[in-house]
């Protein structure tokens, strides 16, 4: 689905959600300080961050993850250390 460049691009992406709920409400702030609400509907739900990172790297969608998972992914090589 490509890189996110605008808030509208969220409509074209599949979401992988940490937790067991099927929807989440996001509040995002743009460069001009305006707040935008967006409801996401999860394609995959999991309570394992390593699993979600692996699915993202395999192209299954995008996710919001905690900082401790950020150092497990090497994006240029599309590899995961789990």
PDB file of N, CA and C in Angstrom:
ATOM      1  N   UNK A   1       0.806  -1.202   0.000  1.00  0.00           N
ATOM      2  CA  UNK A   1       0.000   0.000   0.000  1.00  0.00           C
ATOM      3  C   UNK A   1       0.849   1.266   0.000  1.00  0.00           C
ATOM      4  N   UNK A   2       2.147   1.123   0.120  1.00  0.00           N
ATOM      5  CA  UNK A   2       3.023   2.285   0.064  1.00  0.00           C
ATOM      6  C   UNK A   2       3.172   2.994   1.402  1.00  0.00           C
ATOM      7  N   UNK A   3       3.990   4.018   1.393  1.00  0.00           N
ATOM      8  CA  UNK A   3       4.235   4.801   2.599  1.00  0.00           C
ATOM      9  C   UNK A   3       3.065   5.724   2.884  1.00  0.00           C
ATOM     10  N   UNK A   4       2.841   5.977   4.150  1.00  0.00           N
ATOM     11  CA  UNK A   4       1.836   6.958   4.543  1.00  0.00           C
ATOM     12  C   UNK A   4       2.419   8.352   4.333  1.00  0.00           C
ATOM     13  N   UNK A   5       1.760   9.147   3.524  1.00  0.00           N
ATOM     14  CA  UNK A   5       2.198  10.513   3.304  1.00  0.00           C
ATOM     15  C   UNK A   5       1.168  11.526   3.792  1.00  0.00           C
ATOM     16  N   UNK A   6      -0.091  11.116   3.841  1.00  0.00           N
ATOM     17  CA  UNK A   6      -1.155  11.988   4.332  1.00  0.00           C
ATOM     18  C   UNK A   6      -2.063  11.180   5.250  1.00  0.00           C
ATOM     19  N   UNK A   7      -2.868  11.873   6.034  1.00  0.00           N
ATOM     20  CA  UNK A   7      -3.832  11.180   6.891  1.00  0.00           C
ATOM     21  C   UNK A   7      -4.830  10.388   6.059  1.00  0.00           C
ATOM     22  N   UNK A   8      -5.161  10.877   4.895  1.00  0.00           N
ATOM     23  CA  UNK A   8      -6.102  10.174   4.022  1.00  0.00           C
ATOM     24  C   UNK A   8      -5.561   8.826   3.579  1.00  0.00           C
ATOM     25  N   UNK A   9      -4.241   8.667   3.551  1.00  0.00           N
ATOM     26  CA  UNK A   9      -3.635   7.392   3.153  1.00  0.00           C
ATOM     27  C   UNK A   9      -3.989   6.257   4.102  1.00  0.00           C
ATOM     28  N   UNK A  10      -4.407   6.588   5.324  1.00  0.00           N
ATOM     29  CA  UNK A  10      -4.786   5.539   6.281  1.00  0.00           C
ATOM     30  C   UNK A  10      -5.937   4.692   5.752  1.00  0.00           C
ATOM     31  N   UNK A  11      -6.782   5.265   4.926  1.00  0.00           N
ATOM     32  CA  UNK A  11      -7.938   4.537   4.381  1.00  0.00           C
ATOM     33  C   UNK A  11      -7.520   3.364   3.502  1.00  0.00           C
ATOM     34  N   UNK A  12      -6.295   3.409   2.967  1.00  0.00           N
ATOM     35  CA  UNK A  12      -5.841   2.383   2.034  1.00  0.00           C
ATOM     36  C   UNK A  12      -4.977   1.309   2.680  1.00  0.00           C
ATOM     37  N   UNK A  13      -4.879   1.311   4.001  1.00  0.00           N
ATOM     38  CA  UNK A  13      -3.985   0.375   4.692  1.00  0.00           C
ATOM     39  C   UNK A  13      -4.758  -0.583   5.589  1.00  0.00           C
ATOM     40  N   UNK A  14      -4.216  -1.775   5.715  1.00  0.00           N
ATOM     41  CA  UNK A  14      -4.731  -2.764   6.664  1.00  0.00           C
ATOM     42  C   UNK A  14      -4.048  -2.501   7.997  1.00  0.00           C
ATOM     43  N   UNK A  15      -4.784  -2.685   9.097  1.00  0.00           N
ATOM     44  CA  UNK A  15      -4.236  -2.443  10.422  1.00  0.00           C
ATOM     45  C   UNK A  15      -4.066  -3.741  11.198  1.00  0.00           C
ATOM     46  N   UNK A  16      -2.971  -3.818  11.921  1.00  0.00           N
ATOM     47  CA  UNK A  16      -2.673  -4.928  12.824  1.00  0.00           C
ATOM     48  C   UNK A  16      -2.662  -4.313  14.214  1.00  0.00           C
ATOM     49  N   UNK A  17      -3.528  -4.782  15.062  1.00  0.00           N
ATOM     50  CA  UNK A  17      -3.743  -4.111  16.347  1.00  0.00           C
ATOM     51  C   UNK A  17      -3.212  -4.913  17.523  1.00  0.00           C
ATOM     52  N   UNK A  18      -2.500  -4.209  18.403  1.00  0.00           N
ATOM     53  CA  UNK A  18      -2.071  -4.822  19.657  1.00  0.00           C
ATOM     54  C   UNK A  18      -3.260  -4.787  20.604  1.00  0.00           C
ATOM     55  N   UNK A  19      -3.704  -5.935  21.028  1.00  0.00           N
ATOM     56  CA  UNK A  19      -4.860  -6.044  21.913  1.00  0.00           C
ATOM     57  C   UNK A  19      -5.927  -6.921  21.284  1.00  0.00           C
ATOM     58  N   UNK A  20      -7.036  -7.057  21.997  1.00  0.00           N
ATOM     59  CA  UNK A  20      -8.073  -7.970  21.536  1.00  0.00           C
ATOM     60  C   UNK A  20      -9.281  -7.283  20.927  1.00  0.00           C
ATOM     61  N   UNK A  21      -9.351  -5.972  20.976  1.00  0.00           N
ATOM     62  CA  UNK A  21     -10.473  -5.262  20.379  1.00  0.00           C
ATOM     63  C   UNK A  21     -10.387  -5.270  18.862  1.00  0.00           C
ATOM     64  N   UNK A  22     -11.523  -5.110  18.205  1.00  0.00           N
ATOM     65  CA  UNK A  22     -11.520  -5.104  16.742  1.00  0.00           C
ATOM     66  C   UNK A  22     -11.454  -3.698  16.161  1.00  0.00           C
ATOM     67  N   UNK A  23     -11.710  -2.688  16.983  1.00  0.00           N
ATOM     68  CA  UNK A  23     -11.609  -1.308  16.507  1.00  0.00           C
ATOM     69  C   UNK A  23     -10.859  -0.462  17.533  1.00  0.00           C
ATOM     70  N   UNK A  24     -10.268   0.600  17.046  1.00  0.00           N
ATOM     71  CA  UNK A  24      -9.620   1.590  17.903  1.00  0.00           C
ATOM     72  C   UNK A  24      -9.863   2.959  17.293  1.00  0.00           C
ATOM     73  N   UNK A  25      -9.908   3.946  18.144  1.00  0.00           N
ATOM     74  CA  UNK A  25     -10.038   5.314  17.676  1.00  0.00           C
ATOM     75  C   UNK A  25      -8.711   6.019  17.876  1.00  0.00           C
ATOM     76  N   UNK A  26      -8.184   6.562  16.794  1.00  0.00           N
ATOM     77  CA  UNK A  26      -6.928   7.291  16.847  1.00  0.00           C
ATOM     78  C   UNK A  26      -7.214   8.779  16.801  1.00  0.00           C
ATOM     79  N   UNK A  27      -6.420   9.526  17.524  1.00  0.00           N
ATOM     80  CA  UNK A  27      -6.468  10.979  17.392  1.00  0.00           C
ATOM     81  C   UNK A  27      -5.082  11.414  16.961  1.00  0.00           C
ATOM     82  N   UNK A  28      -4.978  11.914  15.756  1.00  0.00           N
ATOM     83  CA  UNK A  28      -3.710  12.314  15.171  1.00  0.00           C
ATOM     84  C   UNK A  28      -3.670  13.820  15.012  1.00  0.00           C
ATOM     85  N   UNK A  29      -2.499  14.390  15.128  1.00  0.00           N
ATOM     86  CA  UNK A  29      -2.327  15.830  14.990  1.00  0.00           C
ATOM     87  C   UNK A  29      -1.457  16.107  13.770  1.00  0.00           C
ATOM     88  N   UNK A  30      -1.934  16.991  12.886  1.00  0.00           N
ATOM     89  CA  UNK A  30      -1.167  17.307  11.690  1.00  0.00           C
ATOM     90  C   UNK A  30      -0.126  18.390  11.970  1.00  0.00           C
ATOM     91  N   UNK A  31       0.627  18.770  10.930  1.00  0.00           N
ATOM     92  CA  UNK A  31       1.710  19.736  11.073  1.00  0.00           C
ATOM     93  C   UNK A  31       1.220  21.096  11.562  1.00  0.00           C
ATOM     94  N   UNK A  32      -0.028  21.397  11.305  1.00  0.00           N
ATOM     95  CA  UNK A  32      -0.579  22.697  11.696  1.00  0.00           C
ATOM     96  C   UNK A  32      -1.284  22.658  13.044  1.00  0.00           C
ATOM     97  N   UNK A  33      -1.181  21.515  13.739  1.00  0.00           N
ATOM     98  CA  UNK A  33      -1.761  21.397  15.065  1.00  0.00           C
ATOM     99  C   UNK A  33      -3.228  21.013  15.091  1.00  0.00           C
ATOM    100  N   UNK A  34      -3.813  20.732  13.931  1.00  0.00           N
ATOM    101  CA  UNK A  34      -5.219  20.318  13.882  1.00  0.00           C
ATOM    102  C   UNK A  34      -5.326  18.842  14.247  1.00  0.00           C
ATOM    103  N   UNK A  35      -6.331  18.521  15.034  1.00  0.00           N
ATOM    104  CA  UNK A  35      -6.559  17.136  15.447  1.00  0.00           C
ATOM    105  C   UNK A  35      -7.527  16.458  14.486  1.00  0.00           C
ATOM    106  N   UNK A  36      -7.228  15.200  14.189  1.00  0.00           N
ATOM    107  CA  UNK A  36      -8.056  14.401  13.286  1.00  0.00           C
ATOM    108  C   UNK A  36      -8.338  13.071  13.969  1.00  0.00           C
ATOM    109  N   UNK A  37      -9.578  12.661  13.967  1.00  0.00           N
ATOM    110  CA  UNK A  37      -9.948  11.362  14.535  1.00  0.00           C
ATOM    111  C   UNK A  37     -10.107  10.363  13.404  1.00  0.00           C
ATOM    112  N   UNK A  38      -9.630   9.152  13.660  1.00  0.00           N
ATOM    113  CA  UNK A  38      -9.700   8.096  12.662  1.00  0.00           C
ATOM    114  C   UNK A  38     -10.015   6.785  13.384  1.00  0.00           C
ATOM    115  N   UNK A  39     -11.020   6.076  12.909  1.00  0.00           N
ATOM    116  CA  UNK A  39     -11.344   4.768  13.465  1.00  0.00           C
ATOM    117  C   UNK A  39     -10.671   3.698  12.616  1.00  0.00           C
ATOM    118  N   UNK A  40      -9.960   2.801  13.274  1.00  0.00           N
ATOM    119  CA  UNK A  40      -9.325   1.703  12.541  1.00  0.00           C
ATOM    120  C   UNK A  40     -10.053   0.408  12.855  1.00  0.00           C
ATOM    121  N   UNK A  41     -10.082  -0.445  11.873  1.00  0.00           N
ATOM    122  CA  UNK A  41     -10.672  -1.776  11.990  1.00  0.00           C
ATOM    123  C   UNK A  41      -9.554  -2.767  11.737  1.00  0.00           C
ATOM    124  N   UNK A  42      -9.244  -3.566  12.738  1.00  0.00           N
ATOM    125  CA  UNK A  42      -8.080  -4.438  12.674  1.00  0.00           C
ATOM    126  C   UNK A  42      -8.292  -5.636  11.763  1.00  0.00           C
ATOM    127  N   UNK A  43      -7.296  -5.890  10.933  1.00  0.00           N
ATOM    128  CA  UNK A  43      -7.244  -7.105  10.116  1.00  0.00           C
ATOM    129  C   UNK A  43      -6.780  -8.268  10.995  1.00  0.00           C
ATOM    130  N   UNK A  44      -5.813  -7.984  11.854  1.00  0.00           N
ATOM    131  CA  UNK A  44      -5.251  -8.977  12.771  1.00  0.00           C
ATOM    132  C   UNK A  44      -5.141  -8.330  14.145  1.00  0.00           C
ATOM    133  N   UNK A  45      -5.540  -9.062  15.173  1.00  0.00           N
ATOM    134  CA  UNK A  45      -5.381  -8.624  16.560  1.00  0.00           C
ATOM    135  C   UNK A  45      -4.443  -9.615  17.246  1.00  0.00           C
ATOM    136  N   UNK A  46      -3.539  -9.097  18.057  1.00  0.00           N
ATOM    137  CA  UNK A  46      -2.622  -9.971  18.787  1.00  0.00           C
ATOM    138  C   UNK A  46      -2.135  -9.245  20.030  1.00  0.00           C
ATOM    139  N   UNK A  47      -1.733 -10.007  21.014  1.00  0.00           N
ATOM    140  CA  UNK A  47      -1.143  -9.434  22.221  1.00  0.00           C
ATOM    141  C   UNK A  47       0.353  -9.735  22.273  1.00  0.00           C
ATOM    142  N   UNK A  48       0.930 -10.032  21.129  1.00  0.00           N
ATOM    143  CA  UNK A  48       2.352 -10.315  21.018  1.00  0.00           C
ATOM    144  C   UNK A  48       2.960  -9.317  20.037  1.00  0.00           C
ATOM    145  N   UNK A  49       3.708  -8.357  20.559  1.00  0.00           N
ATOM    146  CA  UNK A  49       4.308  -7.328  19.718  1.00  0.00           C
ATOM    147  C   UNK A  49       5.295  -7.876  18.704  1.00  0.00           C
ATOM    148  N   UNK A  50       6.058  -8.895  19.084  1.00  0.00           N
ATOM    149  CA  UNK A  50       7.007  -9.492  18.142  1.00  0.00           C
ATOM    150  C   UNK A  50       6.277 -10.066  16.932  1.00  0.00           C
ATOM    151  N   UNK A  51       5.153 -10.706  17.170  1.00  0.00           N
ATOM    152  CA  UNK A  51       4.345 -11.256  16.078  1.00  0.00           C
ATOM    153  C   UNK A  51       3.855 -10.131  15.162  1.00  0.00           C
ATOM    154  N   UNK A  52       3.361  -9.046  15.751  1.00  0.00           N
ATOM    155  CA  UNK A  52       2.862  -7.933  14.936  1.00  0.00           C
ATOM    156  C   UNK A  52       3.980  -7.327  14.086  1.00  0.00           C
ATOM    157  N   UNK A  53       5.161  -7.160  14.664  1.00  0.00           N
ATOM    158  CA  UNK A  53       6.294  -6.634  13.902  1.00  0.00           C
ATOM    159  C   UNK A  53       6.613  -7.565  12.736  1.00  0.00           C
ATOM    160  N   UNK A  54       6.625  -8.865  12.986  1.00  0.00           N
ATOM    161  CA  UNK A  54       6.910  -9.823  11.919  1.00  0.00           C
ATOM    162  C   UNK A  54       5.863  -9.722  10.801  1.00  0.00           C
ATOM    163  N   UNK A  55       4.604  -9.557  11.150  1.00  0.00           N
ATOM    164  CA  UNK A  55       3.545  -9.439  10.143  1.00  0.00           C
ATOM    165  C   UNK A  55       3.679  -8.147   9.334  1.00  0.00           C
ATOM    166  N   UNK A  56       4.074  -7.065   9.998  1.00  0.00           N
ATOM    167  CA  UNK A  56       4.293  -5.799   9.284  1.00  0.00           C
ATOM    168  C   UNK A  56       5.411  -5.964   8.267  1.00  0.00           C
ATOM    169  N   UNK A  57       6.518  -6.554   8.705  1.00  0.00           N
ATOM    170  CA  UNK A  57       7.663  -6.741   7.814  1.00  0.00           C
ATOM    171  C   UNK A  57       7.282  -7.620   6.623  1.00  0.00           C
ATOM    172  N   UNK A  58       6.365  -8.563   6.830  1.00  0.00           N
ATOM    173  CA  UNK A  58       5.918  -9.434   5.740  1.00  0.00           C
ATOM    174  C   UNK A  58       4.850  -8.787   4.864  1.00  0.00           C
ATOM    175  N   UNK A  59       4.532  -7.522   5.145  1.00  0.00           N
ATOM    176  CA  UNK A  59       3.611  -6.794   4.290  1.00  0.00           C
ATOM    177  C   UNK A  59       2.138  -6.992   4.578  1.00  0.00           C
ATOM    178  N   UNK A  60       1.804  -7.439   5.783  1.00  0.00           N
ATOM    179  CA  UNK A  60       0.407  -7.705   6.122  1.00  0.00           C
ATOM    180  C   UNK A  60      -0.363  -6.472   6.585  1.00  0.00           C
ATOM    181  N   UNK A  61       0.313  -5.365   6.829  1.00  0.00           N
ATOM    182  CA  UNK A  61      -0.373  -4.154   7.277  1.00  0.00           C
ATOM    183  C   UNK A  61       0.552  -3.264   8.080  1.00  0.00           C
ATOM    184  N   UNK A  62      -0.057  -2.286   8.757  1.00  0.00           N
ATOM    185  CA  UNK A  62       0.697  -1.373   9.605  1.00  0.00           C
ATOM    186  C   UNK A  62       0.170  -1.500  11.033  1.00  0.00           C
ATOM    187  N   UNK A  63       1.003  -1.110  11.990  1.00  0.00           N
ATOM    188  CA  UNK A  63       0.608  -1.204  13.389  1.00  0.00           C
ATOM    189  C   UNK A  63       1.229  -0.060  14.173  1.00  0.00           C
ATOM    190  N   UNK A  64       0.697   0.167  15.343  1.00  0.00           N
ATOM    191  CA  UNK A  64       1.273   1.091  16.307  1.00  0.00           C
ATOM    192  C   UNK A  64       1.860   0.228  17.403  1.00  0.00           C
ATOM    193  N   UNK A  65       3.170   0.370  17.644  1.00  0.00           N
ATOM    194  CA  UNK A  65       3.837  -0.504  18.598  1.00  0.00           C
ATOM    195  C   UNK A  65       4.585   0.316  19.633  1.00  0.00           C
ATOM    196  N   UNK A  66       4.889  -0.331  20.750  1.00  0.00           N
ATOM    197  CA  UNK A  66       5.667   0.310  21.794  1.00  0.00           C
ATOM    198  C   UNK A  66       7.115   0.430  21.353  1.00  0.00           C
ATOM    199  N   UNK A  67       7.805   1.407  21.893  1.00  0.00           N
ATOM    200  CA  UNK A  67       9.188   1.670  21.514  1.00  0.00           C
ATOM    201  C   UNK A  67      10.133   0.500  21.663  1.00  0.00           C
ATOM    202  N   UNK A  68       9.881  -0.399  22.597  1.00  0.00           N
ATOM    203  CA  UNK A  68      10.831  -1.492  22.803  1.00  0.00           C
ATOM    204  C   UNK A  68      10.906  -2.440  21.607  1.00  0.00           C
ATOM    205  N   UNK A  69       9.921  -2.414  20.726  1.00  0.00           N
ATOM    206  CA  UNK A  69       9.949  -3.270  19.542  1.00  0.00           C
ATOM    207  C   UNK A  69      10.668  -2.612  18.368  1.00  0.00           C
ATOM    208  N   UNK A  70      10.904  -1.323  18.447  1.00  0.00           N
ATOM    209  CA  UNK A  70      11.493  -0.621  17.317  1.00  0.00           C
ATOM    210  C   UNK A  70      12.900  -1.089  16.992  1.00  0.00           C
ATOM    211  N   UNK A  71      13.657  -1.535  17.971  1.00  0.00           N
ATOM    212  CA  UNK A  71      15.018  -1.973  17.689  1.00  0.00           C
ATOM    213  C   UNK A  71      15.090  -3.426  17.231  1.00  0.00           C
ATOM    214  N   UNK A  72      13.955  -4.084  17.054  1.00  0.00           N
ATOM    215  CA  UNK A  72      13.977  -5.472  16.604  1.00  0.00           C
ATOM    216  C   UNK A  72      13.845  -5.584  15.097  1.00  0.00           C
ATOM    217  N   UNK A  73      13.598  -4.479  14.415  1.00  0.00           N
ATOM    218  CA  UNK A  73      13.357  -4.517  12.985  1.00  0.00           C
ATOM    219  C   UNK A  73      14.466  -3.791  12.246  1.00  0.00           C
ATOM    220  N   UNK A  74      14.956  -4.405  11.210  1.00  0.00           N
ATOM    221  CA  UNK A  74      15.919  -3.763  10.334  1.00  0.00           C
ATOM    222  C   UNK A  74      15.217  -3.536   9.006  1.00  0.00           C
ATOM    223  N   UNK A  75      14.612  -2.381   8.835  1.00  0.00           N
ATOM    224  CA  UNK A  75      13.772  -2.109   7.674  1.00  0.00           C
ATOM    225  C   UNK A  75      14.498  -2.245   6.343  1.00  0.00           C
ATOM    226  N   UNK A  76      15.721  -1.699   6.176  1.00  0.00           N
ATOM    227  CA  UNK A  76      16.353  -1.822   4.852  1.00  0.00           C
ATOM    228  C   UNK A  76      16.499  -3.270   4.378  1.00  0.00           C
ATOM    229  N   UNK A  77      16.753  -4.175   5.282  1.00  0.00           N
ATOM    230  CA  UNK A  77      16.922  -5.579   4.901  1.00  0.00           C
ATOM    231  C   UNK A  77      15.633  -6.385   5.034  1.00  0.00           C
ATOM    232  N   UNK A  78      14.565  -5.756   5.559  1.00  0.00           N
ATOM    233  CA  UNK A  78      13.294  -6.440   5.815  1.00  0.00           C
ATOM    234  C   UNK A  78      13.506  -7.709   6.631  1.00  0.00           C
ATOM    235  N   UNK A  79      14.324  -7.595   7.669  1.00  0.00           N
ATOM    236  CA  UNK A  79      14.564  -8.745   8.528  1.00  0.00           C
ATOM    237  C   UNK A  79      14.030  -8.469   9.921  1.00  0.00           C
ATOM    238  N   UNK A  80      13.702  -9.528  10.637  1.00  0.00           N
ATOM    239  CA  UNK A  80      13.181  -9.405  11.982  1.00  0.00           C
ATOM    240  C   UNK A  80      13.998 -10.286  12.903  1.00  0.00           C
ATOM    241  N   UNK A  81      14.374  -9.744  14.040  1.00  0.00           N
ATOM    242  CA  UNK A  81      15.112 -10.495  15.043  1.00  0.00           C
ATOM    243  C   UNK A  81      14.160 -10.792  16.182  1.00  0.00           C
ATOM    244  N   UNK A  82      13.485 -11.953  16.115  1.00  0.00           N
ATOM    245  CA  UNK A  82      12.546 -12.336  17.193  1.00  0.00           C
ATOM    246  C   UNK A  82      12.883 -13.703  17.725  1.00  0.00           C
TER     247      UNK A  82
END
